[in-house]
Amino acid sequence: MSQYNIEEEIEDIAGGEFERQPVPESKLKSWKSFLGMYAGEHAAGTEFTIGPLFLTAGVSAFDLIIGLLIGNLLAVLSWRFLTAEIAVKYRLTLYYQLERICGKKLVIGYNLANGILFCFLAGAMITVSATAVGIPFQMEMPKLTDTMPNGATWVVIVLVVGAVISLIASKGYDMVSKAANWMSPLIVLAFVACGVVALQQLGVGSLSDFWNIWGEGSEPFTGQLKYTFWHVVIWSWFANAAMHIGMSDLSVFRFAKKARSGWTTAAGMYVGHYMAWIAAALLYAVYLRSPEAQALLSNGEAPTVAPGPLAYNAIGVFGIIAVVLAGWTTANPTIYRAGLAFQAIIPKASTFWVTILAGGIATIAGLFPAFAMKLLDFVALYGFILAPFGAIIVFEHFFHKRVGIVPAYAAAVNLNYNKAVLWAWALSFGIFYAISVGFDVFLSFVTLPAWLLCGLLFLWFSKRIQKN
């Protein structure tokens, strides 16, 4: 049988996505594929929400502009030298690679948690798109403090948006990548236009005027945490902790020809997590000067953070289209990742149906505005929960020879349950979550210590267990 036929057979077995096999060489993609995907995914729906939420946290100009510059650089370095490096070495999904280390039974819990958390994140992006779709229907927008659906119109719009996004994601990586490449230039243009128009509406004529929009910062809105310089740096570094140091994007970069494709994440970080966050914050700064927002603030209420109306106020119908597409380009790959997580639990199910399942959960989550309105807190939590599992893969890859342990130990000895993984994660999570809650420490501040401790404990427990 020729190599071509072997690869075709593998693709048929895996449903075209190679969930339990290394990606064959004929299916590898150039850096351009990842550039479009990351630019589209990270100049997307979350940006329309996160930018304004920084203002609700009372950031200063220095904290926001310099803090984001440093934090996003740390994120790009994490993708390039950890995620992409390991991805091109093994070319496996996160879920299958972790299964080979943890064992089938133990990884089921991780895959379930990972899939559900990704669905909740995708649900927040469905919420974002719904705020734009609802404008022509004069839909009441969710408030910053809302948790439940606010009406029948909201429910119908979310269900329709979620169905369309789920169908696109169910077509697999190629469709997700193509959708991002089609939409990302339009979305980036929209963010630039929003930023320029907002600067004009704010009367900015010089750098000092721009700097004074945030100035020395302010008190946070009711119910929001005050963000300092280090909050911005660490949060922006770990906003995608589950994807880089948590290794979720092994599932994406396994298709890369070279590890240097990891540098393409800079397009997402500096176009999306820098320019777009600041542009969205400018939109919200315009809204905060409106009579409606001033009236809410005077009554001690937090003004709504609804991306659709904010963009519409700046660039009209183009803003509505941009917000809808922005929500799609984030939700699509996120639902795709969630589908792969569920696929690892039920490997006999087709990629299409597990992705539809993930899309259904995401759509239900999108009905509840709290996931979008509390996005800063939710992103910090899901990164803290999932990132330490990535440390297990990273520390095994770089240190297994030095420590003298067998890599992919569960696969090597046909083990269903690797205690080293469970104890390493449970102890690191328990210790640092207790520190965060007990001493009121910002959760993102303890993500890196928990990640490092999990990796070290995994090596230590593995050495003891394998020796016995």
Protein backbone atom coordinates (compact mmCIF):
# COMPACT_ATOMS: atom_id res chain seq x y z
CA MET A 1 0.00 0.00 0.00
CA SER A 2 1.40 3.41 -0.97
CA GLN A 3 2.06 6.12 1.61
CA TYR A 4 -0.75 8.15 0.01
CA ASN A 5 -3.25 5.31 0.47
CA ILE A 6 -2.09 4.72 4.04
CA GLU A 7 -2.69 8.37 4.85
CA GLU A 8 -6.11 8.26 3.19
CA GLU A 9 -7.00 5.25 5.30
CA ILE A 10 -5.82 6.98 8.47
CA GLU A 11 -7.93 10.02 7.57
CA ASP A 12 -11.00 7.83 7.04
CA ILE A 13 -10.50 6.12 10.41
CA ALA A 14 -9.98 9.40 12.22
CA GLY A 15 -12.89 11.18 10.57
CA GLY A 16 -10.45 13.48 8.77
CA GLU A 17 -9.10 15.12 11.94
CA PHE A 18 -6.48 12.54 13.10
CA GLU A 19 -7.76 12.52 16.69
CA ARG A 20 -5.69 9.46 17.68
CA GLN A 21 -2.86 9.46 15.12
CA PRO A 22 -0.02 11.82 14.29
CA VAL A 23 -0.89 14.22 11.50
CA PRO A 24 0.67 12.86 8.27
CA GLU A 25 3.15 15.03 6.39
CA SER A 26 0.82 15.50 3.43
CA LYS A 27 -1.68 17.33 5.67
CA LEU A 28 0.75 19.84 7.19
CA LYS A 29 0.01 23.53 6.68
CA SER A 30 2.17 26.59 6.14
CA TRP A 31 2.51 29.45 8.58
CA LYS A 32 -0.03 31.47 6.56
CA SER A 33 -2.85 29.18 7.68
CA PHE A 34 -2.06 29.88 11.33
CA LEU A 35 -1.57 33.60 10.76
CA GLY A 36 -5.13 33.99 9.52
CA MET A 37 -6.56 31.75 12.20
CA TYR A 38 -4.84 33.51 15.11
CA ALA A 39 -5.50 36.99 13.74
CA GLY A 40 -9.16 36.05 13.33
CA GLU A 41 -9.54 34.24 16.64
CA HIS A 42 -7.88 36.92 18.76
CA ALA A 43 -9.15 40.01 16.95
CA ALA A 44 -12.60 38.75 17.65
CA GLY A 45 -15.58 38.66 19.96
CA THR A 46 -13.76 38.59 23.28
CA GLU A 47 -11.93 41.79 22.36
CA PHE A 48 -15.17 43.76 22.12
CA THR A 49 -15.91 42.72 25.71
CA ILE A 50 -12.47 42.64 27.36
CA GLY A 51 -11.45 46.14 26.27
CA PRO A 52 -14.42 47.78 28.00
CA LEU A 53 -14.06 45.53 31.05
CA PHE A 54 -10.57 46.94 31.63
CA LEU A 55 -12.18 50.35 32.02
CA THR A 56 -14.68 48.96 34.52
CA ALA A 57 -11.62 47.77 36.51
CA GLY A 58 -10.25 51.34 36.70
CA VAL A 59 -6.94 50.83 34.86
CA SER A 60 -4.56 53.74 34.25
CA ALA A 61 -3.04 54.65 30.88
CA PHE A 62 0.39 53.24 31.77
CA ASP A 63 -1.07 50.06 33.23
CA LEU A 64 -3.11 49.37 30.11
CA ILE A 65 -0.74 50.35 27.30
CA ILE A 66 2.59 49.14 28.72
CA GLY A 67 1.11 46.25 30.68
CA LEU A 68 -0.54 44.80 27.57
CA LEU A 69 2.68 45.26 25.58
CA ILE A 70 4.65 43.08 28.02
CA GLY A 71 1.94 40.53 28.84
CA ASN A 72 1.22 39.76 25.19
CA LEU A 73 4.93 39.27 24.46
CA LEU A 74 5.10 36.66 27.23
CA ALA A 75 2.11 34.90 25.69
CA VAL A 76 3.73 34.77 22.22
CA LEU A 77 6.96 33.35 23.69
CA SER A 78 4.95 30.68 25.51
CA TRP A 79 3.24 29.59 22.27
CA ARG A 80 6.46 29.59 20.26
CA PHE A 81 8.87 27.83 22.61
CA LEU A 82 6.50 25.53 24.47
CA THR A 83 3.31 24.76 22.56
CA ALA A 84 4.54 24.81 18.95
CA GLU A 85 7.82 23.10 19.85
CA ILE A 86 6.08 20.12 21.43
CA ALA A 87 3.27 20.05 18.84
CA VAL A 88 5.57 19.49 15.85
CA LYS A 89 7.55 16.88 17.78
CA TYR A 90 4.61 14.51 18.36
CA ARG A 91 1.80 15.90 16.11
CA LEU A 92 -0.91 14.66 18.48
CA THR A 93 -3.93 16.39 19.95
CA LEU A 94 -3.63 17.52 23.53
CA TYR A 95 -6.26 14.97 24.52
CA TYR A 96 -4.57 11.92 23.01
CA GLN A 97 -1.10 12.99 24.18
CA LEU A 98 -2.39 13.50 27.71
CA GLU A 99 -4.16 10.14 27.57
CA ARG A 100 -0.83 8.46 26.82
CA ILE A 101 0.61 10.01 29.98
CA CYS A 102 -2.41 9.90 32.32
CA GLY A 103 -4.24 6.79 31.25
CA LYS A 104 -7.68 6.51 29.68
CA LYS A 105 -9.74 6.67 32.86
CA LEU A 106 -8.01 9.67 34.40
CA VAL A 107 -8.00 11.74 31.23
CA ILE A 108 -11.78 11.43 30.87
CA GLY A 109 -12.29 13.86 33.76
CA TYR A 110 -9.85 16.34 32.25
CA ASN A 111 -11.39 16.10 28.80
CA LEU A 112 -14.86 16.64 30.22
CA ALA A 113 -13.79 19.71 32.22
CA ASN A 114 -11.80 21.08 29.28
CA GLY A 115 -14.63 20.61 26.83
CA ILE A 116 -17.24 22.19 29.10
CA LEU A 117 -15.04 25.20 29.95
CA PHE A 118 -14.33 25.80 26.26
CA CYS A 119 -18.07 25.58 25.61
CA PHE A 120 -18.69 28.27 28.23
CA LEU A 121 -16.08 30.50 26.59
CA ALA A 122 -17.66 29.95 23.19
CA GLY A 123 -21.04 30.72 24.79
CA ALA A 124 -19.72 34.13 25.84
CA MET A 125 -18.86 34.81 22.20
CA ILE A 126 -22.32 33.77 21.07
CA THR A 127 -23.58 36.35 23.58
CA VAL A 128 -21.33 38.96 21.95
CA SER A 129 -22.67 38.23 18.45
CA ALA A 130 -26.24 38.27 19.75
CA THR A 131 -25.84 41.85 21.02
CA ALA A 132 -25.21 42.90 17.41
CA VAL A 133 -27.91 40.76 15.79
CA GLY A 134 -30.44 42.12 18.28
CA ILE A 135 -30.00 45.78 17.31
CA PRO A 136 -32.45 45.78 14.35
CA PHE A 137 -35.02 44.07 16.61
CA GLN A 138 -34.58 46.74 19.32
CA MET A 139 -33.63 43.98 21.75
CA GLU A 140 -32.95 44.95 25.37
CA MET A 141 -29.22 44.54 25.96
CA PRO A 142 -27.90 42.57 28.97
CA LYS A 143 -26.53 44.64 31.84
CA LEU A 144 -23.10 44.22 33.41
CA THR A 145 -24.73 42.56 36.43
CA ASP A 146 -27.19 40.33 34.52
CA THR A 147 -26.93 36.56 34.84
CA MET A 148 -30.20 35.28 33.34
CA PRO A 149 -31.78 35.75 29.87
CA ASN A 150 -33.70 39.04 29.75
CA GLY A 151 -36.46 38.13 27.28
CA ALA A 152 -37.82 35.92 24.48
CA THR A 153 -36.10 37.94 21.74
CA TRP A 154 -32.75 37.38 23.38
CA VAL A 155 -33.35 33.62 23.61
CA VAL A 156 -34.37 33.26 19.95
CA ILE A 157 -31.42 35.29 18.63
CA VAL A 158 -28.88 33.38 20.73
CA LEU A 159 -30.28 30.03 19.56
CA VAL A 160 -30.06 31.03 15.89
CA VAL A 161 -26.54 32.45 16.19
CA GLY A 162 -25.37 29.38 18.13
CA ALA A 163 -26.78 26.99 15.51
CA VAL A 164 -24.94 28.71 12.64
CA ILE A 165 -21.63 28.84 14.54
CA SER A 166 -21.90 25.17 15.53
CA LEU A 167 -22.48 24.06 11.94
CA ILE A 168 -19.36 25.90 10.75
CA ALA A 169 -17.21 24.40 13.52
CA SER A 170 -18.54 20.89 12.81
CA LYS A 171 -16.97 20.96 9.33
CA GLY A 172 -13.51 20.47 10.87
CA TYR A 173 -10.18 22.31 11.03
CA ASP A 174 -10.09 23.24 7.34
CA MET A 175 -13.45 25.02 7.55
CA VAL A 176 -12.50 26.74 10.83
CA SER A 177 -9.22 27.94 9.30
CA LYS A 178 -10.90 29.11 6.06
CA ALA A 179 -13.64 30.95 7.98
CA ALA A 180 -10.99 32.78 10.01
CA ASN A 181 -9.04 33.76 6.90
CA TRP A 182 -12.19 35.07 5.21
CA MET A 183 -13.39 37.10 8.16
CA SER A 184 -10.25 38.32 9.94
CA PRO A 185 -9.27 41.16 7.51
CA LEU A 186 -12.77 42.61 7.76
CA ILE A 187 -12.78 42.37 11.55
CA VAL A 188 -9.34 43.96 11.90
CA LEU A 189 -10.46 46.81 9.62
CA ALA A 190 -13.55 47.26 11.81
CA PHE A 191 -11.45 47.53 14.98
CA VAL A 192 -9.20 50.13 13.34
CA ALA A 193 -12.23 52.08 12.16
CA CYS A 194 -13.85 51.88 15.60
CA GLY A 195 -10.68 53.16 17.23
CA VAL A 196 -10.30 56.07 14.81
CA VAL A 197 -13.95 57.12 15.09
CA ALA A 198 -13.89 56.81 18.88
CA LEU A 199 -10.79 59.05 19.06
CA GLN A 200 -12.64 61.67 17.03
CA GLN A 201 -15.73 61.37 19.25
CA LEU A 202 -13.52 61.80 22.32
CA GLY A 203 -11.86 64.89 20.80
CA VAL A 204 -8.35 63.41 20.87
CA GLY A 205 -5.88 65.65 19.06
CA SER A 206 -2.58 64.71 20.66
CA LEU A 207 -0.78 61.92 22.50
CA SER A 208 -1.47 63.62 25.82
CA ASP A 209 -5.21 63.70 25.03
CA PHE A 210 -5.06 59.98 24.23
CA TRP A 211 -3.14 59.26 27.44
CA ASN A 212 -5.62 61.29 29.51
CA ILE A 213 -8.54 59.07 28.47
CA TRP A 214 -7.34 56.69 31.20
CA GLY A 215 -5.00 59.08 33.03
CA GLU A 216 -4.01 57.78 36.44
CA GLY A 217 -6.91 55.35 36.52
CA SER A 218 -10.06 55.42 38.61
CA GLU A 219 -12.01 53.46 41.14
CA PRO A 220 -13.51 50.25 39.70
CA PHE A 221 -17.22 49.97 39.01
CA THR A 222 -19.45 48.33 41.58
CA GLY A 223 -18.61 44.64 41.91
CA GLN A 224 -15.40 44.89 39.85
CA LEU A 225 -11.80 44.29 41.00
CA LYS A 226 -9.29 47.15 40.76
CA TYR A 227 -6.60 46.35 38.14
CA THR A 228 -3.01 47.59 38.53
CA PHE A 229 -0.03 47.29 36.16
CA TRP A 230 0.75 43.75 37.31
CA HIS A 231 -2.88 42.69 37.01
CA VAL A 232 -2.80 43.74 33.35
CA VAL A 233 0.57 42.07 32.61
CA ILE A 234 -0.20 38.75 34.25
CA TRP A 235 -3.84 38.58 33.15
CA SER A 236 -2.97 39.31 29.50
CA TRP A 237 -0.18 36.68 29.61
CA PHE A 238 -2.52 34.05 31.00
CA ALA A 239 -5.71 35.09 29.20
CA ASN A 240 -4.94 32.11 26.95
CA ALA A 241 -3.09 30.05 29.55
CA ALA A 242 -5.07 26.92 28.75
CA MET A 243 -4.04 27.23 25.11
CA HIS A 244 -0.29 27.91 25.41
CA ILE A 245 1.21 26.75 28.73
CA GLY A 246 -1.85 24.51 29.11
CA MET A 247 -1.00 22.93 25.73
CA SER A 248 -4.53 23.01 24.28
CA ASP A 249 -3.13 24.42 21.04
CA LEU A 250 -1.15 21.25 20.47
CA SER A 251 -4.35 20.32 18.65
CA VAL A 252 -3.83 23.28 16.30
CA PHE A 253 -0.04 23.39 15.85
CA ARG A 254 0.20 19.64 15.18
CA PHE A 255 -0.68 20.69 11.61
CA ALA A 256 2.30 23.11 11.41
CA LYS A 257 5.30 22.30 9.21
CA LYS A 258 7.74 24.00 11.57
CA ALA A 259 7.72 25.14 15.19
CA ARG A 260 8.40 28.69 14.05
CA SER A 261 4.74 28.86 13.01
CA GLY A 262 4.25 29.64 16.71
CA TRP A 263 5.37 33.20 15.99
CA THR A 264 2.11 33.72 14.07
CA THR A 265 0.36 34.05 17.42
CA ALA A 266 1.85 37.57 17.55
CA ALA A 267 -0.76 38.54 14.96
CA GLY A 268 -3.44 37.58 17.44
CA MET A 269 -1.76 39.19 20.42
CA TYR A 270 -0.77 42.56 18.95
CA VAL A 271 -3.59 43.02 16.50
CA GLY A 272 -6.22 41.50 18.77
CA HIS A 273 -5.06 41.62 22.37
CA TYR A 274 -3.42 45.01 21.99
CA MET A 275 -4.87 47.17 19.24
CA ALA A 276 -8.37 45.68 19.41
CA TRP A 277 -8.59 45.76 23.23
CA ILE A 278 -7.57 49.41 23.26
CA ALA A 279 -9.96 50.25 20.39
CA ALA A 280 -12.83 48.54 22.23
CA ALA A 281 -11.92 50.40 25.42
CA LEU A 282 -12.13 53.67 23.44
CA LEU A 283 -15.64 52.74 22.28
CA TYR A 284 -16.66 52.23 25.89
CA ALA A 285 -15.02 55.51 26.91
CA VAL A 286 -17.30 57.24 24.39
CA TYR A 287 -20.35 55.48 25.81
CA LEU A 288 -19.41 56.40 29.40
CA ARG A 289 -19.74 60.08 28.45
CA SER A 290 -23.30 59.59 27.20
CA PRO A 291 -26.29 60.83 29.29
CA GLU A 292 -27.53 57.24 29.69
CA ALA A 293 -24.23 56.02 31.17
CA GLN A 294 -23.84 59.10 33.37
CA ALA A 295 -27.33 58.57 34.78
CA LEU A 296 -26.50 54.95 35.65
CA LEU A 297 -23.22 55.93 37.26
CA SER A 298 -24.88 58.64 39.33
CA ASN A 299 -27.29 56.01 40.66
CA GLY A 300 -24.41 53.69 41.59
CA GLU A 301 -25.15 51.27 38.72
CA ALA A 302 -22.59 49.89 36.26
CA PRO A 303 -23.30 50.84 32.62
CA THR A 304 -23.89 47.93 30.27
CA VAL A 305 -21.06 46.39 28.25
CA ALA A 306 -22.84 45.43 24.99
CA PRO A 307 -20.41 45.18 22.04
CA GLY A 308 -23.09 45.45 19.35
CA PRO A 309 -24.39 48.92 20.29
CA LEU A 310 -20.86 50.17 21.02
CA ALA A 311 -19.66 49.28 17.51
CA TYR A 312 -22.90 50.45 15.89
CA ASN A 313 -22.54 53.84 17.58
CA ALA A 314 -19.09 54.21 15.98
CA ILE A 315 -19.36 52.76 12.46
CA GLY A 316 -23.02 51.93 11.92
CA VAL A 317 -24.15 48.77 10.13
CA PHE A 318 -20.53 47.80 9.47
CA GLY A 319 -20.12 47.64 13.24
CA ILE A 320 -23.03 45.20 13.55
CA ILE A 321 -21.54 42.95 10.86
CA ALA A 322 -18.08 43.12 12.46
CA VAL A 323 -19.33 42.13 15.93
CA VAL A 324 -21.31 39.20 14.52
CA LEU A 325 -18.30 37.92 12.58
CA ALA A 326 -15.99 38.58 15.54
CA GLY A 327 -18.09 36.36 17.75
CA TRP A 328 -18.01 33.63 15.11
CA THR A 329 -14.23 33.65 14.65
CA THR A 330 -13.68 33.10 18.37
CA ALA A 331 -16.49 30.64 18.94
CA ASN A 332 -15.66 28.49 15.88
CA PRO A 333 -12.18 27.26 16.90
CA THR A 334 -13.23 27.13 20.56
CA ILE A 335 -16.15 24.82 19.77
CA TYR A 336 -13.80 22.82 17.53
CA ARG A 337 -11.40 22.34 20.49
CA ALA A 338 -14.29 21.39 22.76
CA GLY A 339 -15.47 18.84 20.20
CA LEU A 340 -12.01 17.23 20.17
CA ALA A 341 -12.17 17.00 23.96
CA PHE A 342 -15.50 15.19 23.80
CA GLN A 343 -14.17 13.03 20.95
CA ALA A 344 -11.46 11.75 23.30
CA ILE A 345 -14.16 10.61 25.74
CA ILE A 346 -16.32 8.93 23.09
CA PRO A 347 -13.82 8.07 20.32
CA LYS A 348 -16.35 6.08 18.28
CA ALA A 349 -18.52 9.16 17.77
CA SER A 350 -17.91 11.19 14.63
CA THR A 351 -16.21 14.57 14.78
CA PHE A 352 -19.34 16.16 13.34
CA TRP A 353 -21.66 15.00 16.10
CA VAL A 354 -19.33 15.71 19.04
CA THR A 355 -18.80 19.22 17.66
CA ILE A 356 -22.55 19.70 17.35
CA LEU A 357 -22.83 18.55 20.99
CA ALA A 358 -20.20 21.11 22.00
CA GLY A 359 -22.02 23.79 20.00
CA GLY A 360 -25.28 22.95 21.73
CA ILE A 361 -23.72 23.34 25.19
CA ALA A 362 -22.07 26.61 24.08
CA THR A 363 -25.40 27.94 22.79
CA ILE A 364 -27.12 27.16 26.10
CA ALA A 365 -24.28 28.92 27.94
CA GLY A 366 -24.70 31.90 25.59
CA LEU A 367 -28.22 32.40 26.88
CA PHE A 368 -26.72 33.52 30.22
CA PRO A 369 -24.99 36.92 29.91
CA ALA A 370 -22.89 36.37 33.05
CA PHE A 371 -20.25 34.42 31.07
CA ALA A 372 -19.60 37.49 28.89
CA MET A 373 -20.12 40.16 31.55
CA LYS A 374 -17.70 38.41 33.96
CA LEU A 375 -15.27 37.40 31.23
CA LEU A 376 -12.14 38.68 33.02
CA ASP A 377 -12.91 36.51 36.05
CA PHE A 378 -13.97 33.48 34.00
CA VAL A 379 -10.87 33.55 31.78
CA ALA A 380 -8.64 33.71 34.86
CA LEU A 381 -10.45 30.74 36.41
CA TYR A 382 -10.41 28.43 33.40
CA GLY A 383 -6.73 29.15 32.78
CA PHE A 384 -5.91 28.37 36.39
CA ILE A 385 -7.81 25.07 36.28
CA LEU A 386 -6.46 23.77 32.96
CA ALA A 387 -2.94 25.21 32.64
CA PRO A 388 -1.26 22.86 35.19
CA PHE A 389 -2.13 19.86 33.03
CA GLY A 390 0.00 21.40 30.31
CA ALA A 391 2.92 21.47 32.74
CA ILE A 392 2.79 17.68 32.87
CA ILE A 393 3.38 17.48 29.09
CA VAL A 394 6.03 20.24 29.13
CA PHE A 395 8.03 18.86 32.06
CA GLU A 396 7.92 15.31 30.69
CA HIS A 397 9.06 16.48 27.25
CA PHE A 398 12.02 18.53 28.48
CA PHE A 399 13.10 16.64 31.61
CA HIS A 400 12.15 12.94 31.34
CA LYS A 401 15.68 11.89 30.35
CA ARG A 402 17.34 13.95 33.07
CA VAL A 403 14.99 12.65 35.76
CA GLY A 404 15.04 9.11 34.39
CA ILE A 405 11.35 8.43 33.85
CA VAL A 406 9.55 6.66 31.02
CA PRO A 407 7.65 9.12 28.77
CA ALA A 408 4.02 8.38 27.93
CA TYR A 409 4.10 5.98 30.87
CA ALA A 410 0.42 5.00 30.79
CA ALA A 411 0.70 3.96 27.14
CA ALA A 412 4.01 2.18 27.72
CA VAL A 413 2.68 -0.10 30.49
CA ASN A 414 -1.00 -0.11 29.50
CA LEU A 415 -2.01 1.87 32.60
CA ASN A 416 -5.52 3.31 32.86
CA TYR A 417 -4.84 5.53 35.85
CA ASN A 418 -1.56 7.37 36.50
CA LYS A 419 -1.54 8.53 40.12
CA ALA A 420 1.41 10.84 39.51
CA VAL A 421 -0.75 13.09 37.35
CA LEU A 422 -3.71 13.17 39.73
CA TRP A 423 -1.64 13.98 42.81
CA ALA A 424 0.46 16.59 41.03
CA TRP A 425 -2.57 18.49 39.74
CA ALA A 426 -4.68 18.11 42.88
CA LEU A 427 -1.95 19.37 45.21
CA SER A 428 -0.92 22.31 43.02
CA PHE A 429 -4.53 23.32 42.41
CA GLY A 430 -5.57 22.91 46.05
CA ILE A 431 -2.61 24.78 47.54
CA PHE A 432 -2.75 27.82 45.27
CA TYR A 433 -6.53 28.05 45.09
CA ALA A 434 -6.57 28.10 48.90
CA ILE A 435 -3.95 30.87 48.84
CA SER A 436 -6.02 32.85 46.33
CA VAL A 437 -9.22 32.56 48.37
CA GLY A 438 -7.73 32.71 51.86
CA PHE A 439 -5.44 35.68 51.25
CA ASP A 440 -7.55 37.38 48.54
CA VAL A 441 -4.84 36.99 45.90
CA PHE A 442 -5.75 37.69 42.27
CA LEU A 443 -6.22 34.25 40.70
CA SER A 444 -4.00 34.91 37.67
CA PHE A 445 -1.12 35.70 40.06
CA VAL A 446 -1.03 32.09 41.25
CA THR A 447 -1.43 30.43 37.81
CA LEU A 448 2.31 30.30 37.08
CA PRO A 449 3.29 29.01 40.57
CA ALA A 450 0.59 26.33 40.31
CA TRP A 451 1.85 25.37 36.82
CA LEU A 452 5.45 25.08 37.98
CA LEU A 453 4.57 23.13 41.11
CA CYS A 454 2.39 20.72 39.12
CA GLY A 455 5.24 19.97 36.71
CA LEU A 456 7.78 19.43 39.50
CA LEU A 457 5.42 17.25 41.52
CA PHE A 458 4.64 15.18 38.44
CA LEU A 459 8.33 14.43 37.90
CA TRP A 460 8.82 13.55 41.56
CA PHE A 461 5.75 11.32 41.84
CA SER A 462 6.56 9.67 38.49
CA LYS A 463 10.09 8.86 39.63
CA ARG A 464 8.83 7.23 42.82
CA ILE A 465 5.98 5.30 41.16
CA GLN A 466 8.04 4.04 38.24
CA LYS A 467 10.88 3.02 40.53
CA ASN A 468 8.50 0.92 42.59
